[in-house]
Amino acid sequence: MYWRHCLQAVLVRSLLSVMIFAGLRSVRYYKEVPGIHSILANDLDPAAVESITRNVEFNGISLNHVIPNQGDARYRYETTT
């Protein structure tokens, strides 16, 4: 898949994923893209963050690797770049 090749080419160690809703894409990235150490799964909606947490745990992934976060993605992006 195209996205997989792009991420592998950059040697991703961590990823900021925004407007996540249920966190399924973050779970998929963590499981399928080699070399990812952590993903910050960010959403502004508290219900979405609860869904992210449930889906990460359901898929057997540590909350240290796919990290649910409630916050403004614009602020989070500015502080991580």
N, C-alpha and C. Protein backbone atom coordinates (compact mmCIF):
# COMPACT_ATOMS: atom_id res chain seq x y z
N MET A 1 0.83 -1.18 0.00
CA MET A 1 0.00 0.00 0.00
C MET A 1 0.88 1.25 0.00
N TYR A 2 0.41 2.28 -0.64
CA TYR A 2 1.19 3.49 -0.81
C TYR A 2 1.61 4.12 0.52
N TRP A 3 0.64 4.27 1.46
CA TRP A 3 0.97 4.92 2.74
C TRP A 3 2.04 4.14 3.49
N ARG A 4 2.02 2.82 3.39
CA ARG A 4 3.00 2.01 4.09
C ARG A 4 4.41 2.29 3.56
N HIS A 5 4.54 2.41 2.25
CA HIS A 5 5.84 2.70 1.66
C HIS A 5 6.33 4.09 2.07
N CYS A 6 5.44 5.05 2.12
CA CYS A 6 5.83 6.41 2.51
C CYS A 6 6.32 6.43 3.95
N LEU A 7 5.59 5.78 4.85
CA LEU A 7 5.98 5.79 6.25
C LEU A 7 7.28 5.03 6.46
N GLN A 8 7.47 3.93 5.76
CA GLN A 8 8.71 3.16 5.90
C GLN A 8 9.91 3.96 5.39
N ALA A 9 9.71 4.70 4.35
CA ALA A 9 10.81 5.47 3.76
C ALA A 9 11.31 6.54 4.71
N VAL A 10 10.45 7.06 5.57
CA VAL A 10 10.82 8.13 6.48
C VAL A 10 11.43 7.59 7.78
N LEU A 11 11.35 6.28 8.00
CA LEU A 11 11.84 5.67 9.24
C LEU A 11 11.15 6.27 10.46
N VAL A 12 9.86 6.17 10.49
CA VAL A 12 9.03 6.76 11.54
C VAL A 12 9.29 6.07 12.87
N ARG A 13 9.50 6.87 13.90
CA ARG A 13 9.61 6.34 15.27
C ARG A 13 8.37 6.69 16.08
N SER A 14 7.80 7.86 15.83
CA SER A 14 6.58 8.24 16.52
C SER A 14 5.70 9.01 15.54
N LEU A 15 4.42 9.00 15.83
CA LEU A 15 3.45 9.55 14.89
C LEU A 15 2.39 10.30 15.67
N LEU A 16 1.99 11.46 15.19
CA LEU A 16 0.87 12.20 15.74
C LEU A 16 -0.31 11.98 14.81
N SER A 17 -1.36 11.41 15.34
CA SER A 17 -2.55 11.14 14.56
C SER A 17 -3.68 11.97 15.14
N VAL A 18 -4.35 12.77 14.31
CA VAL A 18 -5.35 13.71 14.82
C VAL A 18 -6.74 13.36 14.29
N MET A 19 -7.75 13.88 15.00
CA MET A 19 -9.16 13.63 14.69
C MET A 19 -9.40 12.14 14.50
N ILE A 20 -9.14 11.39 15.53
CA ILE A 20 -9.06 9.94 15.49
C ILE A 20 -10.41 9.25 15.59
N PHE A 21 -11.34 9.80 16.30
CA PHE A 21 -12.67 9.21 16.54
C PHE A 21 -12.57 7.92 17.35
N ALA A 22 -12.34 6.78 16.76
CA ALA A 22 -12.31 5.52 17.52
C ALA A 22 -10.89 4.96 17.64
N GLY A 23 -9.93 5.54 16.98
CA GLY A 23 -8.55 5.09 17.11
C GLY A 23 -8.17 3.91 16.24
N LEU A 24 -9.05 3.49 15.34
CA LEU A 24 -8.77 2.30 14.55
C LEU A 24 -7.58 2.48 13.61
N ARG A 25 -7.43 3.66 13.03
CA ARG A 25 -6.29 3.89 12.14
C ARG A 25 -4.98 3.87 12.93
N SER A 26 -4.99 4.42 14.11
CA SER A 26 -3.78 4.40 14.95
C SER A 26 -3.40 2.98 15.31
N VAL A 27 -4.39 2.16 15.65
CA VAL A 27 -4.14 0.75 15.97
C VAL A 27 -3.56 0.06 14.75
N ARG A 28 -4.14 0.31 13.59
CA ARG A 28 -3.66 -0.32 12.36
C ARG A 28 -2.23 0.10 12.05
N TYR A 29 -1.94 1.40 12.13
CA TYR A 29 -0.57 1.87 11.88
C TYR A 29 0.41 1.20 12.83
N TYR A 30 0.06 1.13 14.12
CA TYR A 30 0.98 0.55 15.08
C TYR A 30 1.25 -0.92 14.76
N LYS A 31 0.22 -1.64 14.37
CA LYS A 31 0.38 -3.07 14.09
C LYS A 31 1.07 -3.36 12.76
N GLU A 32 0.89 -2.50 11.76
CA GLU A 32 1.33 -2.83 10.41
C GLU A 32 2.58 -2.10 9.92
N VAL A 33 2.93 -0.99 10.51
CA VAL A 33 4.07 -0.22 10.02
C VAL A 33 5.28 -0.51 10.90
N PRO A 34 6.29 -1.15 10.34
CA PRO A 34 7.48 -1.50 11.13
C PRO A 34 8.20 -0.26 11.64
N GLY A 35 8.72 -0.34 12.84
CA GLY A 35 9.55 0.73 13.38
C GLY A 35 8.83 1.79 14.17
N ILE A 36 7.50 1.78 14.20
CA ILE A 36 6.78 2.79 14.98
C ILE A 36 6.87 2.41 16.45
N HIS A 37 7.37 3.32 17.25
CA HIS A 37 7.48 3.08 18.68
C HIS A 37 6.24 3.58 19.41
N SER A 38 5.71 4.72 19.00
CA SER A 38 4.53 5.26 19.67
C SER A 38 3.71 6.12 18.72
N ILE A 39 2.43 6.19 19.02
CA ILE A 39 1.50 7.04 18.27
C ILE A 39 0.70 7.83 19.29
N LEU A 40 0.66 9.14 19.13
CA LEU A 40 -0.19 9.98 19.95
C LEU A 40 -1.51 10.12 19.20
N ALA A 41 -2.55 9.47 19.72
CA ALA A 41 -3.87 9.46 19.08
C ALA A 41 -4.69 10.58 19.71
N ASN A 42 -4.82 11.68 19.02
CA ASN A 42 -5.41 12.90 19.57
C ASN A 42 -6.80 13.17 19.02
N ASP A 43 -7.72 13.56 19.90
CA ASP A 43 -9.04 14.02 19.50
C ASP A 43 -9.51 15.03 20.53
N LEU A 44 -10.32 15.96 20.11
CA LEU A 44 -10.85 16.99 21.00
C LEU A 44 -12.03 16.49 21.82
N ASP A 45 -12.76 15.51 21.32
CA ASP A 45 -13.97 15.00 21.94
C ASP A 45 -13.63 13.95 23.02
N PRO A 46 -14.07 14.16 24.28
CA PRO A 46 -13.76 13.20 25.33
C PRO A 46 -14.32 11.80 25.05
N ALA A 47 -15.48 11.71 24.41
CA ALA A 47 -16.05 10.40 24.07
C ALA A 47 -15.17 9.67 23.06
N ALA A 48 -14.57 10.40 22.14
CA ALA A 48 -13.67 9.78 21.16
C ALA A 48 -12.42 9.25 21.86
N VAL A 49 -11.91 9.98 22.84
CA VAL A 49 -10.73 9.53 23.57
C VAL A 49 -11.04 8.25 24.35
N GLU A 50 -12.24 8.16 24.91
CA GLU A 50 -12.66 6.92 25.59
C GLU A 50 -12.71 5.76 24.59
N SER A 51 -13.23 6.01 23.38
CA SER A 51 -13.27 4.97 22.34
C SER A 51 -11.88 4.54 21.93
N ILE A 52 -10.97 5.50 21.80
CA ILE A 52 -9.59 5.18 21.45
C ILE A 52 -9.00 4.25 22.51
N THR A 53 -9.19 4.61 23.76
CA THR A 53 -8.65 3.81 24.87
C THR A 53 -9.19 2.39 24.82
N ARG A 54 -10.50 2.25 24.65
CA ARG A 54 -11.11 0.91 24.59
C ARG A 54 -10.56 0.10 23.42
N ASN A 55 -10.45 0.71 22.25
CA ASN A 55 -9.97 -0.01 21.07
C ASN A 55 -8.50 -0.40 21.18
N VAL A 56 -7.70 0.45 21.76
CA VAL A 56 -6.28 0.13 21.95
C VAL A 56 -6.16 -1.08 22.89
N GLU A 57 -6.89 -1.03 24.01
CA GLU A 57 -6.84 -2.14 24.97
C GLU A 57 -7.41 -3.42 24.36
N PHE A 58 -8.51 -3.30 23.62
CA PHE A 58 -9.13 -4.47 22.99
C PHE A 58 -8.16 -5.16 22.03
N ASN A 59 -7.32 -4.38 21.36
CA ASN A 59 -6.37 -4.93 20.39
C ASN A 59 -5.04 -5.34 21.03
N GLY A 60 -4.99 -5.33 22.36
CA GLY A 60 -3.81 -5.83 23.06
C GLY A 60 -2.58 -4.96 22.94
N ILE A 61 -2.77 -3.67 22.74
CA ILE A 61 -1.65 -2.74 22.60
C ILE A 61 -1.53 -1.93 23.89
N SER A 62 -0.32 -1.72 24.34
CA SER A 62 -0.08 -0.93 25.54
C SER A 62 -0.47 0.53 25.30
N LEU A 63 -1.03 1.15 26.33
CA LEU A 63 -1.36 2.58 26.23
C LEU A 63 -0.11 3.44 26.24
N ASN A 64 1.06 2.82 26.39
CA ASN A 64 2.34 3.54 26.24
C ASN A 64 2.76 3.60 24.78
N HIS A 65 2.15 2.78 23.95
CA HIS A 65 2.52 2.75 22.53
C HIS A 65 1.52 3.52 21.66
N VAL A 66 0.23 3.30 21.88
CA VAL A 66 -0.79 4.14 21.25
C VAL A 66 -1.41 4.93 22.39
N ILE A 67 -1.08 6.20 22.43
CA ILE A 67 -1.39 7.04 23.59
C ILE A 67 -2.61 7.90 23.29
N PRO A 68 -3.75 7.60 23.93
CA PRO A 68 -4.94 8.44 23.74
C PRO A 68 -4.71 9.81 24.38
N ASN A 69 -5.12 10.85 23.69
CA ASN A 69 -4.92 12.20 24.19
C ASN A 69 -6.10 13.09 23.78
N GLN A 70 -6.63 13.82 24.76
CA GLN A 70 -7.67 14.79 24.45
C GLN A 70 -7.03 16.16 24.40
N GLY A 71 -7.18 16.83 23.27
CA GLY A 71 -6.60 18.16 23.16
C GLY A 71 -6.76 18.72 21.76
N ASP A 72 -6.32 19.95 21.62
CA ASP A 72 -6.36 20.66 20.35
C ASP A 72 -5.15 20.23 19.52
N ALA A 73 -5.38 19.63 18.38
CA ALA A 73 -4.29 19.10 17.54
C ALA A 73 -3.37 20.22 17.06
N ARG A 74 -3.90 21.41 16.87
CA ARG A 74 -3.04 22.51 16.43
C ARG A 74 -1.98 22.81 17.48
N TYR A 75 -2.38 22.85 18.75
CA TYR A 75 -1.42 23.10 19.82
C TYR A 75 -0.43 21.95 19.93
N ARG A 76 -0.92 20.71 19.86
CA ARG A 76 -0.06 19.54 19.99
C ARG A 76 0.97 19.51 18.87
N TYR A 77 0.55 19.84 17.64
CA TYR A 77 1.47 19.84 16.50
C TYR A 77 2.56 20.89 16.68
N GLU A 78 2.18 22.07 17.13
CA GLU A 78 3.15 23.14 17.31
C GLU A 78 4.18 22.82 18.37
N THR A 79 3.80 22.06 19.40
CA THR A 79 4.73 21.76 20.47
C THR A 79 5.60 20.55 20.17
N THR A 80 5.28 19.79 19.11
CA THR A 80 6.08 18.61 18.78
C THR A 80 6.96 18.82 17.57
N THR A 81 6.84 19.95 16.88
CA THR A 81 7.68 20.19 15.70
C THR A 81 8.81 21.13 16.00
